[in-house]
Amino acid sequence: MPSTALQRTLALIPDAPATPTVTDGYLDLVGPASDAPPTLAQRAMRSSLLPRVYERAWRPVAFTAFTGRTTGHEERRLLDRLALRDGDTVLDVACGPGNTTRRLHDAVGDGLVVGLDYSPTMLARAVRDTTSDAVAYVRADAHRLPFADGSFDAVACYGALYLVERPADVIAQMARVLRPGGRLAILTTCHRGPAPMRGMVGVTAGVSGLRVFGRDEVLRAFGDAGLQGVQREVSAFSQTVVGQRPVRSSATATAAR
């Protein structure tokens, strides 16, 4: 039987399988991978080694160099940006081994936090390190989130958007599953070097799979996804972008009824 959290998560999935596949404690909506990860970064994320050292060693060192801040500092700021409340339902996209997912749960009490990732090894580690009955993990493609429109009060994607193939599509999907008034927060890369360096950065990104976003790329994607009140903060080589799904006006709500 799926856990209580997984049962609550299945209720958010319109095309949930009648007999869900639960592997190592997470809901698997992908099945066996038939292709090798296309980039070095994606191979690392799906390896068996990185999940073991990610939270205690890899992420703190890389995160500080990348953002100029500690992981604890950024996680506290994330909770403030999302304005979470007790009972909220929250999605953590590209959750890795669940480090941010568990911090989100600390803020929602009896709510539900769903961590989603494509890497089986990351998700298996996330399940092992999570003890709460209000946290569930799902293996799925972020380009095609399996959840119904307006399923979540808040969505986060921290330190992973630069790994996906079509980031604008992922942002659109995250905006789609937000409820009216819900907030999306993304932490990702930001190119801050002079123009002559951009070509070199592009070549490096192509080999490694680590995309470095221009200053306006993510902002445009937020606008294209219909998010409002968009704010962006740049620190070191990172940017944090936050936006809100519009709340329907009373006139629109009345017409809908």
Protein backbone atom coordinates (compact mmCIF):
# COMPACT_ATOMS: atom_id res chain seq x y z
CA MET A 1 0.00 0.00 0.00
CA PRO A 2 1.25 3.50 -0.78
CA SER A 3 1.95 5.66 2.25
CA THR A 4 -0.57 8.23 3.42
CA ALA A 5 1.42 11.00 1.73
CA LEU A 6 1.56 9.06 -1.54
CA GLN A 7 -2.19 8.46 -1.39
CA ARG A 8 -2.75 12.20 -0.95
CA THR A 9 -0.39 12.82 -3.86
CA LEU A 10 -2.21 10.35 -6.12
CA ALA A 11 -5.38 12.39 -5.58
CA LEU A 12 -3.63 15.33 -7.31
CA ILE A 13 -2.86 13.29 -10.45
CA PRO A 14 -5.78 13.08 -12.93
CA ASP A 15 -4.30 10.12 -14.83
CA ALA A 16 -2.96 8.27 -11.80
CA PRO A 17 -2.51 4.55 -12.49
CA ALA A 18 -5.05 2.22 -10.89
CA THR A 19 -2.15 0.18 -9.55
CA PRO A 20 0.63 2.68 -8.83
CA THR A 21 4.26 1.61 -9.04
CA VAL A 22 6.08 2.39 -5.79
CA THR A 23 9.84 1.83 -6.00
CA ASP A 24 12.07 2.31 -2.95
CA GLY A 25 9.26 4.30 -1.36
CA TYR A 26 8.61 6.80 -4.20
CA LEU A 27 5.87 6.85 -6.82
CA ASP A 28 7.43 6.00 -10.19
CA LEU A 29 5.57 7.46 -13.17
CA VAL A 30 8.47 6.93 -15.58
CA GLY A 31 9.46 3.28 -15.41
CA PRO A 32 12.78 1.80 -16.50
CA ALA A 33 15.02 4.33 -18.25
CA SER A 34 15.87 3.23 -21.77
CA ASP A 35 18.32 5.98 -22.62
CA ALA A 36 21.53 7.26 -21.06
CA PRO A 37 21.50 10.78 -19.59
CA PRO A 38 22.66 13.12 -22.35
CA THR A 39 24.94 15.43 -20.32
CA LEU A 40 27.70 15.07 -17.76
CA ALA A 41 25.66 16.92 -15.15
CA GLN A 42 22.63 14.68 -15.63
CA ARG A 43 24.79 11.56 -15.44
CA ALA A 44 26.15 12.79 -12.12
CA MET A 45 22.65 13.43 -10.76
CA ARG A 46 21.57 9.89 -11.64
CA SER A 47 24.72 8.24 -10.29
CA SER A 48 24.83 6.28 -7.06
CA LEU A 49 27.71 8.31 -5.59
CA LEU A 50 26.43 11.90 -5.67
CA PRO A 51 23.28 11.29 -3.59
CA ARG A 52 25.49 10.01 -0.74
CA VAL A 53 27.54 13.20 -0.49
CA TYR A 54 25.12 15.76 -1.93
CA GLU A 55 23.60 17.23 1.22
CA ARG A 56 26.60 17.09 3.56
CA ALA A 57 29.44 17.96 1.20
CA TRP A 58 28.65 18.69 -2.44
CA ARG A 59 25.73 21.07 -2.04
CA PRO A 60 27.08 23.25 0.80
CA VAL A 61 30.39 23.89 -0.98
CA ALA A 62 28.96 24.39 -4.46
CA PHE A 63 26.00 26.39 -3.15
CA THR A 64 28.16 28.91 -1.29
CA ALA A 65 30.39 29.43 -4.34
CA PHE A 66 27.37 29.74 -6.60
CA THR A 67 25.20 32.08 -4.48
CA GLY A 68 27.62 33.71 -2.04
CA ARG A 69 25.39 32.50 0.80
CA THR A 70 25.02 29.35 2.89
CA THR A 71 22.35 26.74 2.17
CA GLY A 72 20.67 27.46 5.50
CA HIS A 73 20.44 31.16 4.70
CA GLU A 74 18.89 30.52 1.29
CA GLU A 75 16.42 27.96 2.65
CA ARG A 76 15.17 30.46 5.23
CA ARG A 77 14.75 33.05 2.50
CA LEU A 78 12.86 30.50 0.40
CA LEU A 79 10.31 29.99 3.17
CA ASP A 80 9.84 33.75 3.43
CA ARG A 81 9.43 34.15 -0.34
CA LEU A 82 6.79 31.45 -0.59
CA ALA A 83 4.86 32.80 2.44
CA LEU A 84 3.92 29.26 3.46
CA ARG A 85 1.19 28.54 5.97
CA ASP A 86 0.18 25.54 8.02
CA GLY A 87 -1.78 23.10 5.87
CA ASP A 88 -0.37 24.24 2.51
CA THR A 89 0.33 21.82 -0.32
CA VAL A 90 3.77 22.44 -1.83
CA LEU A 91 5.72 21.02 -4.79
CA ASP A 92 9.53 20.86 -4.88
CA VAL A 93 10.61 20.32 -8.50
CA ALA A 94 13.96 18.60 -9.13
CA CYS A 95 14.15 17.82 -5.42
CA GLY A 96 17.30 15.66 -5.55
CA PRO A 97 17.82 13.87 -2.21
CA GLY A 98 15.07 15.92 -0.56
CA ASN A 99 17.08 18.50 1.38
CA THR A 100 14.86 21.43 0.38
CA THR A 101 11.73 19.27 0.43
CA ARG A 102 12.19 18.53 4.12
CA ARG A 103 12.73 22.22 4.93
CA LEU A 104 9.51 23.09 3.14
CA HIS A 105 7.67 20.54 5.23
CA ASP A 106 8.89 22.24 8.41
CA ALA A 107 6.77 25.26 7.42
CA VAL A 108 3.47 23.59 6.47
CA GLY A 109 2.75 21.38 9.48
CA ASP A 110 -0.09 19.03 8.54
CA GLY A 111 0.10 20.09 4.89
CA LEU A 112 1.66 18.04 2.12
CA VAL A 113 5.03 18.48 0.41
CA VAL A 114 5.73 16.58 -2.81
CA GLY A 115 9.31 16.22 -4.04
CA LEU A 116 9.63 15.46 -7.75
CA ASP A 117 12.74 14.34 -9.58
CA TYR A 118 13.81 12.17 -12.53
CA SER A 119 16.75 10.46 -10.83
CA PRO A 120 15.97 7.11 -9.16
CA THR A 121 19.11 7.26 -7.02
CA MET A 122 18.31 10.75 -5.73
CA LEU A 123 14.73 9.78 -4.91
CA ALA A 124 15.76 6.58 -3.13
CA ARG A 125 18.09 8.64 -0.96
CA ALA A 126 15.36 11.23 -0.34
CA VAL A 127 12.99 8.55 0.91
CA ARG A 128 15.63 7.06 3.22
CA ASP A 129 16.38 10.46 4.76
CA THR A 130 12.75 11.51 5.22
CA THR A 131 10.69 10.38 8.20
CA SER A 132 7.53 12.49 7.87
CA ASP A 133 4.20 11.01 6.77
CA ALA A 134 3.38 14.35 5.12
CA VAL A 135 6.18 14.18 2.51
CA ALA A 136 5.91 12.16 -0.71
CA TYR A 137 8.32 11.67 -3.58
CA VAL A 138 7.45 11.21 -7.25
CA ARG A 139 9.57 10.26 -10.22
CA ALA A 140 8.35 12.17 -13.26
CA ASP A 141 9.48 14.51 -16.03
CA ALA A 142 9.37 18.19 -15.00
CA HIS A 143 8.55 19.12 -18.63
CA ARG A 144 5.24 17.27 -18.20
CA LEU A 145 4.18 17.57 -14.57
CA PRO A 146 1.53 14.91 -13.89
CA PHE A 147 -0.56 17.06 -11.54
CA ALA A 148 -3.89 18.77 -12.20
CA ASP A 149 -4.08 22.51 -12.79
CA GLY A 150 -4.04 24.50 -9.56
CA SER A 151 -2.94 21.62 -7.32
CA PHE A 152 -0.39 23.48 -5.18
CA ASP A 153 -0.28 26.52 -2.94
CA ALA A 154 3.42 27.00 -3.71
CA VAL A 155 6.10 25.57 -5.98
CA ALA A 156 9.89 25.71 -5.60
CA CYS A 157 12.74 24.76 -7.92
CA TYR A 158 16.01 25.48 -6.16
CA GLY A 159 19.33 24.86 -7.85
CA ALA A 160 18.17 22.66 -10.74
CA LEU A 161 16.56 24.63 -13.58
CA TYR A 162 19.94 24.93 -15.31
CA LEU A 163 19.96 21.15 -15.81
CA VAL A 164 16.71 20.76 -17.77
CA GLU A 165 16.45 20.67 -21.53
CA ARG A 166 13.61 23.20 -21.97
CA PRO A 167 13.53 25.47 -18.91
CA ALA A 168 10.77 27.76 -20.21
CA ASP A 169 8.47 24.73 -20.58
CA VAL A 170 9.24 23.67 -17.01
CA ILE A 171 8.44 27.15 -15.71
CA ALA A 172 5.13 27.08 -17.62
CA GLN A 173 4.30 23.72 -16.07
CA MET A 174 5.10 24.93 -12.56
CA ALA A 175 2.89 27.98 -13.10
CA ARG A 176 0.07 25.76 -14.38
CA VAL A 177 -0.08 23.63 -11.23
CA LEU A 178 -0.20 26.70 -8.94
CA ARG A 179 -3.49 27.68 -7.39
CA PRO A 180 -4.66 31.30 -7.90
CA GLY A 181 -2.55 33.41 -5.58
CA GLY A 182 0.10 30.69 -5.29
CA ARG A 183 3.78 31.59 -5.49
CA LEU A 184 6.66 30.13 -7.51
CA ALA A 185 10.29 30.57 -6.41
CA ILE A 186 13.28 29.55 -8.53
CA LEU A 187 16.98 29.71 -7.71
CA THR A 188 19.20 29.25 -10.74
CA THR A 189 22.26 30.58 -12.56
CA CYS A 190 22.80 34.11 -13.84
CA HIS A 191 25.48 35.29 -16.28
CA ARG A 192 27.22 38.34 -14.84
CA GLY A 193 30.41 38.40 -16.86
CA PRO A 194 31.33 40.76 -19.73
CA ALA A 195 29.95 40.06 -23.19
CA PRO A 196 33.17 38.45 -24.59
CA MET A 197 32.93 35.74 -21.92
CA ARG A 198 29.44 34.64 -22.91
CA GLY A 199 30.59 32.57 -25.85
CA MET A 200 33.07 30.70 -23.66
CA VAL A 201 30.39 30.11 -21.03
CA GLY A 202 28.06 28.80 -23.73
CA VAL A 203 30.63 26.26 -24.92
CA THR A 204 31.29 25.07 -21.36
CA ALA A 205 27.56 24.80 -20.69
CA GLY A 206 27.08 22.75 -23.85
CA VAL A 207 29.66 20.19 -22.74
CA SER A 208 28.72 19.97 -19.07
CA GLY A 209 24.96 20.46 -19.38
CA LEU A 210 24.99 23.30 -16.84
CA ARG A 211 23.12 26.17 -18.47
CA VAL A 212 24.03 29.74 -17.49
CA PHE A 213 21.00 31.98 -17.98
CA GLY A 214 21.15 35.49 -19.32
CA ARG A 215 19.83 38.20 -17.03
CA ASP A 216 16.41 38.38 -18.68
CA GLU A 217 15.71 34.79 -19.78
CA VAL A 218 14.01 33.60 -16.61
CA LEU A 219 12.10 36.86 -16.19
CA ARG A 220 10.67 36.49 -19.70
CA ALA A 221 9.65 32.90 -18.99
CA PHE A 222 7.82 34.01 -15.84
CA GLY A 223 5.96 36.65 -17.83
CA ASP A 224 5.12 34.21 -20.63
CA ALA A 225 3.73 31.81 -18.01
CA GLY A 226 1.33 34.50 -16.81
CA LEU A 227 2.94 35.09 -13.43
CA GLN A 228 2.62 38.52 -11.84
CA GLY A 229 4.48 40.59 -9.27
CA VAL A 230 7.74 39.05 -10.48
CA GLN A 231 10.82 39.95 -8.44
CA ARG A 232 14.42 38.99 -9.07
CA GLU A 233 17.48 39.15 -6.82
CA VAL A 234 20.98 38.50 -8.14
CA SER A 235 23.78 37.26 -5.87
CA ALA A 236 27.21 36.06 -7.06
CA PHE A 237 26.43 33.86 -10.09
CA SER A 238 22.87 33.08 -9.02
CA GLN A 239 19.47 34.65 -9.34
CA THR A 240 16.31 34.07 -7.34
CA VAL A 241 13.07 34.81 -9.17
CA VAL A 242 9.66 34.82 -7.49
CA GLY A 243 6.24 35.30 -9.05
CA GLN A 244 2.59 34.76 -8.24
CA ARG A 245 -0.25 33.22 -10.18
CA PRO A 246 -2.97 35.86 -10.58
CA VAL A 247 -5.99 35.66 -8.31
CA ARG A 248 -9.22 35.61 -10.29
CA SER A 249 -11.24 38.78 -9.95
CA SER A 250 -14.63 38.61 -8.26
CA ALA A 251 -16.30 39.34 -11.63
CA THR A 252 -14.49 36.40 -13.25
CA ALA A 253 -15.35 34.10 -10.36
CA THR A 254 -19.02 35.13 -10.54
CA ALA A 255 -19.13 34.52 -14.29
CA ALA A 256 -17.52 31.10 -13.80
CA ARG A 257 -20.28 30.09 -11.39
